[in-house]
Amino acid sequence: KNSPADLECGVLEPSKATIHWLHNGVKVEDDAKRVTMDDGSLHFVRVTRNRKRTHAGIYQCVASNSYGTTRSRNASLIVGTFK
């Protein structure tokens, strides 16, 4: 919690693909806390979990090019704290 994190998307030529991420089935929109990088990875400036919003959940990378669209396997992001 409150630390940076990255989820990688293994696209061979990300410059030739359109890449976006899904969080629990909903398209991720870049904001101040998470950004899709040029290589397709999803960068979290600071992973959060609170009553209003959490980054924890299931993520999928979706890549599209002239040959079609494919999705990655599910990736689980678990947000916790040490006590």
N, C-alpha and C. Protein backbone atom coordinates (compact mmCIF):
# COMPACT_ATOMS: atom_id res chain seq x y z
N LYS A 1 0.85 -1.18 0.00
CA LYS A 1 0.00 0.00 0.00
C LYS A 1 0.89 1.24 0.00
N ASN A 2 0.51 2.22 -0.80
CA ASN A 2 1.22 3.48 -0.93
C ASN A 2 2.61 3.34 -1.53
N SER A 3 2.86 2.27 -2.26
CA SER A 3 4.13 2.04 -2.96
C SER A 3 3.87 1.94 -4.45
N PRO A 4 4.90 2.19 -5.27
CA PRO A 4 4.72 2.02 -6.71
C PRO A 4 4.65 0.55 -7.08
N ALA A 5 4.07 0.27 -8.25
CA ALA A 5 3.98 -1.10 -8.78
C ALA A 5 3.86 -1.03 -10.29
N ASP A 6 4.23 -2.11 -10.96
CA ASP A 6 4.10 -2.20 -12.42
C ASP A 6 3.52 -3.56 -12.79
N LEU A 7 2.61 -3.55 -13.77
CA LEU A 7 2.12 -4.77 -14.40
C LEU A 7 2.61 -4.72 -15.83
N GLU A 8 3.28 -5.79 -16.28
CA GLU A 8 3.84 -5.79 -17.63
C GLU A 8 2.92 -6.50 -18.60
N CYS A 9 2.92 -6.00 -19.83
CA CYS A 9 2.16 -6.59 -20.93
C CYS A 9 3.16 -7.03 -21.98
N GLY A 10 3.26 -8.32 -22.23
CA GLY A 10 4.27 -8.87 -23.14
C GLY A 10 3.90 -8.75 -24.60
N VAL A 11 3.89 -7.55 -25.13
CA VAL A 11 3.59 -7.31 -26.55
C VAL A 11 4.91 -7.20 -27.29
N LEU A 12 5.05 -7.96 -28.40
CA LEU A 12 6.32 -7.98 -29.13
C LEU A 12 6.70 -6.63 -29.72
N GLU A 13 5.75 -5.94 -30.31
CA GLU A 13 6.02 -4.62 -30.88
C GLU A 13 4.95 -3.64 -30.41
N PRO A 14 5.10 -3.13 -29.19
CA PRO A 14 4.05 -2.25 -28.65
C PRO A 14 3.82 -0.99 -29.47
N SER A 15 4.81 -0.55 -30.22
CA SER A 15 4.63 0.66 -31.03
C SER A 15 3.65 0.43 -32.17
N LYS A 16 3.40 -0.84 -32.54
CA LYS A 16 2.48 -1.16 -33.64
C LYS A 16 1.13 -1.66 -33.13
N ALA A 17 0.92 -1.59 -31.82
CA ALA A 17 -0.32 -2.08 -31.23
C ALA A 17 -1.00 -0.98 -30.42
N THR A 18 -2.29 -1.12 -30.28
CA THR A 18 -3.05 -0.29 -29.36
C THR A 18 -3.23 -1.13 -28.10
N ILE A 19 -2.80 -0.60 -26.97
CA ILE A 19 -2.83 -1.36 -25.72
C ILE A 19 -3.64 -0.61 -24.68
N HIS A 20 -4.51 -1.36 -24.00
CA HIS A 20 -5.19 -0.81 -22.83
C HIS A 20 -5.35 -1.92 -21.80
N TRP A 21 -5.73 -1.54 -20.61
CA TRP A 21 -5.87 -2.47 -19.50
C TRP A 21 -7.30 -2.50 -19.01
N LEU A 22 -7.70 -3.66 -18.49
CA LEU A 22 -8.99 -3.81 -17.82
C LEU A 22 -8.75 -4.06 -16.34
N HIS A 23 -9.56 -3.45 -15.50
CA HIS A 23 -9.53 -3.69 -14.05
C HIS A 23 -10.91 -4.20 -13.67
N ASN A 24 -10.96 -5.47 -13.28
CA ASN A 24 -12.24 -6.12 -12.97
C ASN A 24 -13.23 -5.97 -14.12
N GLY A 25 -12.70 -6.08 -15.35
CA GLY A 25 -13.54 -6.04 -16.55
C GLY A 25 -13.85 -4.66 -17.09
N VAL A 26 -13.39 -3.61 -16.43
CA VAL A 26 -13.67 -2.22 -16.85
C VAL A 26 -12.37 -1.59 -17.35
N LYS A 27 -12.46 -0.89 -18.48
CA LYS A 27 -11.27 -0.25 -19.06
C LYS A 27 -10.65 0.73 -18.08
N VAL A 28 -9.33 0.64 -17.92
CA VAL A 28 -8.58 1.54 -17.05
C VAL A 28 -8.32 2.85 -17.79
N GLU A 29 -8.67 3.94 -17.17
CA GLU A 29 -8.36 5.27 -17.72
C GLU A 29 -7.14 5.79 -16.97
N ASP A 30 -6.15 6.29 -17.70
CA ASP A 30 -4.97 6.87 -17.06
C ASP A 30 -5.39 8.03 -16.16
N ASP A 31 -4.74 8.12 -15.01
CA ASP A 31 -5.00 9.23 -14.10
C ASP A 31 -3.70 9.55 -13.35
N ALA A 32 -3.80 10.30 -12.29
CA ALA A 32 -2.60 10.72 -11.56
C ALA A 32 -1.92 9.57 -10.84
N LYS A 33 -2.63 8.45 -10.64
CA LYS A 33 -2.05 7.34 -9.88
C LYS A 33 -1.68 6.12 -10.70
N ARG A 34 -2.20 6.00 -11.92
CA ARG A 34 -1.81 4.87 -12.78
C ARG A 34 -1.82 5.30 -14.25
N VAL A 35 -0.77 4.85 -14.96
CA VAL A 35 -0.53 5.30 -16.33
C VAL A 35 -0.09 4.12 -17.18
N THR A 36 -0.63 4.01 -18.40
CA THR A 36 -0.15 3.02 -19.36
C THR A 36 1.09 3.58 -20.04
N MET A 37 2.20 2.87 -19.93
CA MET A 37 3.48 3.32 -20.47
C MET A 37 3.58 2.96 -21.96
N ASP A 38 4.58 3.52 -22.66
CA ASP A 38 4.77 3.26 -24.09
C ASP A 38 5.01 1.79 -24.40
N ASP A 39 5.61 1.05 -23.47
CA ASP A 39 5.87 -0.37 -23.69
C ASP A 39 4.65 -1.24 -23.37
N GLY A 40 3.54 -0.62 -22.96
CA GLY A 40 2.31 -1.36 -22.66
C GLY A 40 2.13 -1.71 -21.20
N SER A 41 3.16 -1.51 -20.37
CA SER A 41 3.02 -1.83 -18.95
C SER A 41 2.12 -0.80 -18.27
N LEU A 42 1.51 -1.23 -17.18
CA LEU A 42 0.66 -0.34 -16.39
C LEU A 42 1.44 0.03 -15.14
N HIS A 43 1.73 1.32 -14.99
CA HIS A 43 2.53 1.81 -13.87
C HIS A 43 1.63 2.48 -12.85
N PHE A 44 1.76 2.02 -11.61
CA PHE A 44 1.05 2.63 -10.48
C PHE A 44 2.04 3.53 -9.74
N VAL A 45 1.77 4.82 -9.70
CA VAL A 45 2.62 5.75 -8.97
C VAL A 45 2.56 5.40 -7.48
N ARG A 46 1.37 5.09 -7.02
CA ARG A 46 1.16 4.70 -5.63
C ARG A 46 -0.08 3.82 -5.56
N VAL A 47 0.09 2.57 -5.18
CA VAL A 47 -1.03 1.65 -5.06
C VAL A 47 -1.86 2.03 -3.84
N THR A 48 -3.18 2.11 -4.01
CA THR A 48 -4.04 2.53 -2.91
C THR A 48 -5.14 1.51 -2.63
N ARG A 49 -5.61 1.57 -1.41
CA ARG A 49 -6.78 0.79 -0.99
C ARG A 49 -7.45 1.57 0.14
N ASN A 50 -8.65 2.03 -0.13
CA ASN A 50 -9.42 2.72 0.90
C ASN A 50 -10.89 2.44 0.66
N ARG A 51 -11.75 3.07 1.42
CA ARG A 51 -13.18 2.81 1.30
C ARG A 51 -13.77 3.24 -0.03
N LYS A 52 -13.24 4.32 -0.59
CA LYS A 52 -13.79 4.85 -1.85
C LYS A 52 -13.21 4.17 -3.09
N ARG A 53 -11.94 3.78 -3.01
CA ARG A 53 -11.28 3.28 -4.22
C ARG A 53 -10.15 2.33 -3.85
N THR A 54 -9.99 1.32 -4.68
CA THR A 54 -8.88 0.40 -4.49
C THR A 54 -8.29 0.02 -5.84
N HIS A 55 -7.00 -0.18 -5.87
CA HIS A 55 -6.34 -0.70 -7.07
C HIS A 55 -6.30 -2.21 -7.06
N ALA A 56 -6.65 -2.83 -5.94
CA ALA A 56 -6.65 -4.29 -5.86
C ALA A 56 -7.70 -4.85 -6.81
N GLY A 57 -7.43 -6.03 -7.36
CA GLY A 57 -8.39 -6.68 -8.23
C GLY A 57 -7.72 -7.46 -9.34
N ILE A 58 -8.50 -7.79 -10.36
CA ILE A 58 -8.04 -8.57 -11.50
C ILE A 58 -7.77 -7.63 -12.68
N TYR A 59 -6.58 -7.75 -13.26
CA TYR A 59 -6.18 -6.94 -14.41
C TYR A 59 -5.94 -7.82 -15.62
N GLN A 60 -6.25 -7.28 -16.79
CA GLN A 60 -5.93 -7.91 -18.08
C GLN A 60 -5.41 -6.85 -19.03
N CYS A 61 -4.36 -7.22 -19.77
CA CYS A 61 -3.85 -6.38 -20.83
C CYS A 61 -4.57 -6.76 -22.12
N VAL A 62 -5.01 -5.76 -22.88
CA VAL A 62 -5.69 -5.99 -24.16
C VAL A 62 -4.86 -5.30 -25.24
N ALA A 63 -4.42 -6.06 -26.24
CA ALA A 63 -3.61 -5.52 -27.34
C ALA A 63 -4.32 -5.76 -28.66
N SER A 64 -4.34 -4.72 -29.49
CA SER A 64 -4.99 -4.81 -30.81
C SER A 64 -4.03 -4.29 -31.88
N ASN A 65 -4.08 -4.94 -33.04
CA ASN A 65 -3.38 -4.43 -34.23
C ASN A 65 -4.18 -4.85 -35.45
N SER A 66 -3.59 -4.71 -36.64
CA SER A 66 -4.33 -5.00 -37.87
C SER A 66 -4.72 -6.47 -38.00
N TYR A 67 -4.11 -7.35 -37.20
CA TYR A 67 -4.43 -8.78 -37.25
C TYR A 67 -5.52 -9.19 -36.28
N GLY A 68 -5.86 -8.32 -35.33
CA GLY A 68 -6.91 -8.66 -34.38
C GLY A 68 -6.61 -8.16 -32.98
N THR A 69 -7.34 -8.74 -32.03
CA THR A 69 -7.23 -8.34 -30.62
C THR A 69 -7.01 -9.58 -29.77
N THR A 70 -6.18 -9.42 -28.75
CA THR A 70 -5.94 -10.53 -27.81
C THR A 70 -5.87 -9.97 -26.40
N ARG A 71 -6.18 -10.84 -25.43
CA ARG A 71 -6.12 -10.47 -24.02
C ARG A 71 -5.12 -11.36 -23.30
N SER A 72 -4.50 -10.79 -22.29
CA SER A 72 -3.58 -11.56 -21.46
C SER A 72 -4.37 -12.44 -20.50
N ARG A 73 -3.63 -13.28 -19.81
CA ARG A 73 -4.23 -14.01 -18.69
C ARG A 73 -4.52 -13.00 -17.59
N ASN A 74 -5.34 -13.40 -16.64
CA ASN A 74 -5.64 -12.53 -15.50
C ASN A 74 -4.42 -12.36 -14.61
N ALA A 75 -4.24 -11.16 -14.12
CA ALA A 75 -3.21 -10.86 -13.12
C ALA A 75 -3.92 -10.28 -11.90
N SER A 76 -3.66 -10.84 -10.75
CA SER A 76 -4.27 -10.36 -9.51
C SER A 76 -3.34 -9.38 -8.81
N LEU A 77 -3.87 -8.24 -8.44
CA LEU A 77 -3.12 -7.28 -7.64
C LEU A 77 -3.75 -7.25 -6.25
N ILE A 78 -2.96 -7.63 -5.28
CA ILE A 78 -3.42 -7.66 -3.89
C ILE A 78 -2.70 -6.54 -3.14
N VAL A 79 -3.48 -5.70 -2.48
CA VAL A 79 -2.93 -4.55 -1.77
C VAL A 79 -3.06 -4.82 -0.27
N GLY A 80 -1.94 -4.75 0.42
CA GLY A 80 -1.98 -4.99 1.86
C GLY A 80 -0.99 -4.12 2.58
N THR A 81 -1.02 -4.21 3.89
CA THR A 81 -0.08 -3.48 4.72
C THR A 81 0.52 -4.43 5.75
N PHE A 82 1.71 -4.11 6.19
CA PHE A 82 2.36 -4.86 7.26
C PHE A 82 2.07 -4.18 8.58
N LYS A 83 1.79 -4.97 9.57
CA LYS A 83 1.55 -4.40 10.91
C LYS A 83 2.61 -4.88 11.87
